[in-house]
Amino acid sequence: MTKVFSRPEALNDVELHYCPGCTHGVIHRLVAEVMDELGITGETIGVASVGCSVFSYKYFGCDMQQAAHGRAPAVATGIKRALPNRTVFTYQGDGDLAAIGTAETVHAASRGENITVIFVNNGVYGMTGGQMAPTTLEGQVTQTSPYGRDVKTQGYPLRVCELLAQTDGAAYLARTAVDSVKHIRETKAAIKKAFTYQMEGKGFTMVEVLSACPTYWALSPAEALKRLGSEVIEHYPLGVYKDKGAETDEK
């Protein structure tokens, strides 16, 4: 029998706590596969956020540090400056990164901190009960927007890649998704490029991954992936928003 599928060595052999249909597990696997392929697991330090991914320190086989809510980029900055030869990444949700952690994220990018951010955007606060997040779509029903997000009183959804693309320190910014095999492969390639750029000392890198939350979208896993592949991607277009490496190659 030929083995065609196995657990990445950088992913611990433990049961994940996520809800059925949650795509955090897919993204965990992609990060672990990249660490395996680059051979950096023993030299990598991850920073766990507060949110649904709060227990990610249990799942990755590399060294992990827990950060306070929203502060992962600041913690990662300290780790990277103290241990510049390590590969350092944060794993954050949209409530963590795009709300309480907005300042840490923007300024880490502006300073060009040589860290990698894995930003999982499912458009809601998942761990605390499905409240509206900065990335919640216009008209989307949540626990705190029961009639749908009204931009007149609650503002517009925040597009983080577009925001950070204005900073000089950002080296690589990409938005991907995990709603299809094609997009999953693209997500892995983006994560690998982000880690590689960090190893080459290019500066701040971030991969925003559009993710599904069947529980608080009140959809089945299949319906949630369908919504992710249509409505969510329509508002948050996929693509590379900044790539200093490509710009250098063109010159």
Protein backbone atom coordinates (compact mmCIF):
# COMPACT_ATOMS: atom_id res chain seq x y z
CA MET A 1 0.00 0.00 0.00
CA THR A 2 1.30 3.46 -0.97
CA LYS A 3 0.84 6.22 1.58
CA VAL A 4 -0.56 9.31 -0.13
CA PHE A 5 -1.61 11.34 2.89
CA SER A 6 -0.16 11.75 6.37
CA ARG A 7 -0.06 14.21 9.24
CA PRO A 8 2.71 16.84 8.96
CA GLU A 9 5.45 16.34 11.54
CA ALA A 10 5.03 19.96 12.63
CA LEU A 11 1.40 19.29 13.59
CA ASN A 12 0.97 17.51 16.92
CA ASP A 13 -1.06 14.30 17.05
CA VAL A 14 -3.88 15.71 19.19
CA GLU A 15 -7.60 16.29 18.70
CA LEU A 16 -8.52 19.81 17.60
CA HIS A 17 -11.19 21.66 19.56
CA TYR A 18 -12.75 23.48 16.61
CA CYS A 19 -16.41 23.23 15.60
CA PRO A 20 -17.39 20.85 12.76
CA GLY A 21 -16.74 22.52 9.42
CA CYS A 22 -14.37 25.14 10.85
CA THR A 23 -11.46 25.71 8.49
CA HIS A 24 -8.90 26.60 11.18
CA GLY A 25 -7.76 22.97 11.03
CA VAL A 26 -7.05 23.25 7.30
CA ILE A 27 -4.97 26.37 7.87
CA HIS A 28 -3.09 24.74 10.75
CA ARG A 29 -2.15 21.90 8.44
CA LEU A 30 -0.91 24.25 5.74
CA VAL A 31 1.33 26.14 8.19
CA ALA A 32 2.69 22.82 9.48
CA GLU A 33 3.33 21.51 5.96
CA VAL A 34 5.29 24.65 5.13
CA MET A 35 7.42 24.27 8.27
CA ASP A 36 8.12 20.65 7.31
CA GLU A 37 9.04 21.50 3.74
CA LEU A 38 11.33 24.37 4.76
CA GLY A 39 12.85 22.26 7.54
CA ILE A 40 12.41 25.02 10.12
CA THR A 41 10.16 23.50 12.79
CA GLY A 42 12.94 23.34 15.37
CA GLU A 43 13.92 26.95 14.65
CA THR A 44 10.41 28.41 14.55
CA ILE A 45 8.49 30.24 17.29
CA GLY A 46 4.76 30.79 16.93
CA VAL A 47 2.68 33.32 18.86
CA ALA A 48 -0.88 32.28 19.69
CA SER A 49 -3.63 34.88 19.85
CA VAL A 50 -6.82 35.10 21.88
CA GLY A 51 -9.88 33.81 20.06
CA CYS A 52 -10.91 30.49 18.57
CA SER A 53 -7.24 29.76 17.85
CA VAL A 54 -6.18 30.40 21.45
CA PHE A 55 -5.15 26.75 21.86
CA SER A 56 -2.97 26.68 18.74
CA TYR A 57 0.03 26.33 21.03
CA LYS A 58 -1.20 22.77 21.64
CA TYR A 59 -1.31 21.93 17.96
CA PHE A 60 1.94 23.18 16.40
CA GLY A 61 5.11 21.19 17.05
CA CYS A 62 7.32 24.27 17.23
CA ASP A 63 7.96 26.48 20.24
CA MET A 64 4.91 28.62 21.02
CA GLN A 65 4.20 31.72 23.09
CA GLN A 66 0.75 32.90 24.22
CA ALA A 67 0.04 36.61 23.77
CA ALA A 68 -2.60 38.83 25.32
CA HIS A 69 -5.59 39.72 23.14
CA GLY A 70 -4.40 41.57 20.03
CA ARG A 71 -0.79 41.83 21.14
CA ALA A 72 0.70 38.97 19.11
CA PRO A 73 2.62 41.24 16.67
CA ALA A 74 4.18 43.11 19.61
CA VAL A 75 5.18 39.85 21.30
CA ALA A 76 6.51 38.49 18.00
CA THR A 77 8.51 41.68 17.53
CA GLY A 78 10.23 41.18 20.88
CA ILE A 79 10.98 37.53 20.17
CA LYS A 80 12.37 38.24 16.70
CA ARG A 81 14.58 41.08 17.91
CA ALA A 82 15.93 38.92 20.73
CA LEU A 83 16.34 35.85 18.50
CA PRO A 84 16.80 37.21 14.96
CA ASN A 85 17.81 33.82 13.54
CA ARG A 86 14.49 32.21 14.44
CA THR A 87 11.46 32.18 12.16
CA VAL A 88 8.65 33.89 14.07
CA PHE A 89 4.97 33.88 13.16
CA THR A 90 1.68 34.92 14.72
CA TYR A 91 -1.60 33.09 14.22
CA GLN A 92 -4.54 35.49 14.70
CA GLY A 93 -8.24 35.80 14.02
CA ASP A 94 -10.00 38.92 12.78
CA GLY A 95 -11.39 39.92 16.18
CA ASP A 96 -7.88 39.72 17.61
CA LEU A 97 -5.93 41.29 14.75
CA ALA A 98 -8.38 43.75 13.21
CA ALA A 99 -10.02 45.08 16.39
CA ILE A 100 -8.09 45.22 19.66
CA GLY A 101 -4.82 44.48 17.83
CA THR A 102 -5.13 46.98 14.98
CA ALA A 103 -2.41 49.28 16.31
CA GLU A 104 0.05 46.44 16.92
CA THR A 105 -0.52 45.12 13.40
CA VAL A 106 -0.26 48.45 11.59
CA HIS A 107 2.86 49.59 13.41
CA ALA A 108 4.63 46.23 13.11
CA ALA A 109 4.06 46.46 9.36
CA SER A 110 5.09 50.12 9.24
CA ARG A 111 8.33 49.35 11.08
CA GLY A 112 9.02 46.48 8.71
CA GLU A 113 9.37 43.97 11.54
CA ASN A 114 10.74 40.76 10.07
CA ILE A 115 7.86 38.54 11.23
CA THR A 116 5.06 36.64 9.52
CA VAL A 117 1.38 37.06 10.39
CA ILE A 118 -1.19 34.38 9.57
CA PHE A 119 -4.48 36.27 9.68
CA VAL A 120 -7.62 34.09 9.71
CA ASN A 121 -10.65 36.17 8.69
CA ASN A 122 -14.07 34.57 9.24
CA GLY A 123 -15.93 37.82 9.83
CA VAL A 124 -17.10 37.22 13.42
CA TYR A 125 -15.90 36.94 17.00
CA GLY A 126 -16.06 33.16 17.27
CA MET A 127 -14.81 32.30 20.75
CA THR A 128 -17.04 34.78 22.61
CA GLY A 129 -20.33 34.00 20.89
CA GLY A 130 -20.52 35.29 17.33
CA GLN A 131 -20.53 39.06 17.81
CA MET A 132 -19.93 41.50 14.97
CA ALA A 133 -16.25 42.01 14.14
CA PRO A 134 -14.55 44.80 12.17
CA THR A 135 -14.53 42.42 9.19
CA THR A 136 -18.25 41.49 9.37
CA LEU A 137 -19.87 42.12 5.98
CA GLU A 138 -22.48 44.80 5.40
CA GLY A 139 -25.92 43.36 6.19
CA GLN A 140 -24.48 40.30 7.94
CA VAL A 141 -26.48 39.11 10.94
CA THR A 142 -24.48 38.50 14.13
CA GLN A 143 -25.27 38.38 17.85
CA THR A 144 -24.66 42.14 18.10
CA SER A 145 -26.11 43.06 14.69
CA PRO A 146 -29.37 41.05 14.71
CA TYR A 147 -30.80 43.12 11.86
CA GLY A 148 -27.60 42.95 9.84
CA ARG A 149 -24.57 45.24 9.93
CA ASP A 150 -25.69 48.80 9.21
CA VAL A 151 -22.78 50.81 7.85
CA LYS A 152 -24.51 54.08 8.80
CA THR A 153 -24.09 53.32 12.49
CA GLN A 154 -21.55 50.49 12.59
CA GLY A 155 -19.14 51.46 9.84
CA TYR A 156 -17.79 49.51 6.90
CA PRO A 157 -15.94 46.17 6.97
CA LEU A 158 -12.20 46.67 7.38
CA ARG A 159 -9.97 45.49 4.54
CA VAL A 160 -6.67 44.77 6.26
CA CYS A 161 -4.50 43.87 3.23
CA GLU A 162 -5.47 47.08 1.48
CA LEU A 163 -4.76 49.06 4.65
CA LEU A 164 -1.32 47.56 5.27
CA ALA A 165 -0.35 47.88 1.60
CA GLN A 166 0.11 51.61 2.29
CA THR A 167 2.93 50.94 4.74
CA ASP A 168 6.51 51.06 3.49
CA GLY A 169 7.66 48.26 5.79
CA ALA A 170 5.34 45.56 4.47
CA ALA A 171 7.24 43.17 2.19
CA TYR A 172 4.51 40.69 1.26
CA LEU A 173 0.74 40.87 1.71
CA ALA A 174 -1.62 38.30 0.21
CA ARG A 175 -5.28 37.41 0.64
CA THR A 176 -6.28 33.81 0.01
CA ALA A 177 -9.14 31.46 0.94
CA VAL A 178 -9.77 27.82 1.86
CA ASP A 179 -13.12 27.22 0.14
CA SER A 180 -11.73 25.02 -2.65
CA VAL A 181 -8.76 22.81 -3.45
CA LYS A 182 -7.41 25.46 -5.83
CA HIS A 183 -7.56 28.17 -3.20
CA ILE A 184 -6.14 25.89 -0.50
CA ARG A 185 -3.11 25.25 -2.71
CA GLU A 186 -2.74 28.98 -3.32
CA THR A 187 -2.94 29.58 0.44
CA LYS A 188 -0.11 27.15 1.10
CA ALA A 189 2.04 28.77 -1.58
CA ALA A 190 1.42 32.21 -0.06
CA ILE A 191 2.32 31.00 3.44
CA LYS A 192 5.51 29.43 2.10
CA LYS A 193 6.48 32.64 0.31
CA ALA A 194 5.79 34.69 3.47
CA PHE A 195 8.01 32.42 5.58
CA THR A 196 10.71 32.40 2.90
CA TYR A 197 10.73 36.20 2.68
CA GLN A 198 11.16 36.37 6.44
CA MET A 199 14.06 33.93 6.29
CA GLU A 200 15.62 36.18 3.64
CA GLY A 201 15.18 39.24 5.89
CA LYS A 202 12.82 41.10 3.58
CA GLY A 203 10.54 42.46 6.33
CA PHE A 204 6.93 42.18 7.46
CA THR A 205 4.81 39.53 5.74
CA MET A 206 1.14 38.63 6.17
CA VAL A 207 -1.22 36.10 4.63
CA GLU A 208 -4.89 36.85 5.19
CA VAL A 209 -6.90 33.64 4.86
CA LEU A 210 -10.65 33.93 4.34
CA SER A 211 -12.18 31.23 6.51
CA ALA A 212 -15.63 29.79 7.24
CA CYS A 213 -17.50 29.80 10.56
CA PRO A 214 -20.53 27.50 10.10
CA THR A 215 -21.57 27.83 13.75
CA TYR A 216 -21.99 31.60 13.86
CA TRP A 217 -22.92 31.99 10.23
CA ALA A 218 -25.78 29.60 11.09
CA LEU A 219 -25.01 27.47 8.04
CA SER A 220 -24.04 23.88 7.39
CA PRO A 221 -20.34 23.32 6.63
CA ALA A 222 -21.12 22.90 2.92
CA GLU A 223 -23.29 26.04 2.85
CA ALA A 224 -20.60 27.99 4.72
CA LEU A 225 -17.95 27.07 2.14
CA LYS A 226 -20.34 28.11 -0.62
CA ARG A 227 -20.88 31.49 1.03
CA LEU A 228 -17.14 31.88 1.53
CA GLY A 229 -16.51 31.19 -2.15
CA SER A 230 -19.05 33.75 -3.33
CA GLU A 231 -20.24 36.50 -0.99
CA VAL A 232 -17.13 36.79 1.18
CA ILE A 233 -14.60 36.67 -1.66
CA GLU A 234 -16.70 39.19 -3.57
CA HIS A 235 -16.14 41.73 -0.78
CA TYR A 236 -12.58 40.67 0.00
CA PRO A 237 -10.91 40.05 -3.40
CA LEU A 238 -8.16 37.45 -3.40
CA GLY A 239 -4.68 38.29 -4.60
CA VAL A 240 -1.27 39.69 -3.74
CA TYR A 241 -1.50 43.23 -2.42
CA LYS A 242 2.22 43.84 -2.01
CA ASP A 243 5.31 41.88 -3.01
CA LYS A 244 8.62 43.66 -2.62
CA GLY A 245 10.44 40.60 -3.95
CA ALA A 246 8.53 40.76 -7.23
CA GLU A 247 9.10 44.52 -7.42
CA THR A 248 12.86 43.97 -7.02
CA ASP A 249 12.86 41.28 -9.70
CA GLU A 250 11.10 43.63 -12.13
CA LYS A 251 13.79 46.28 -11.60
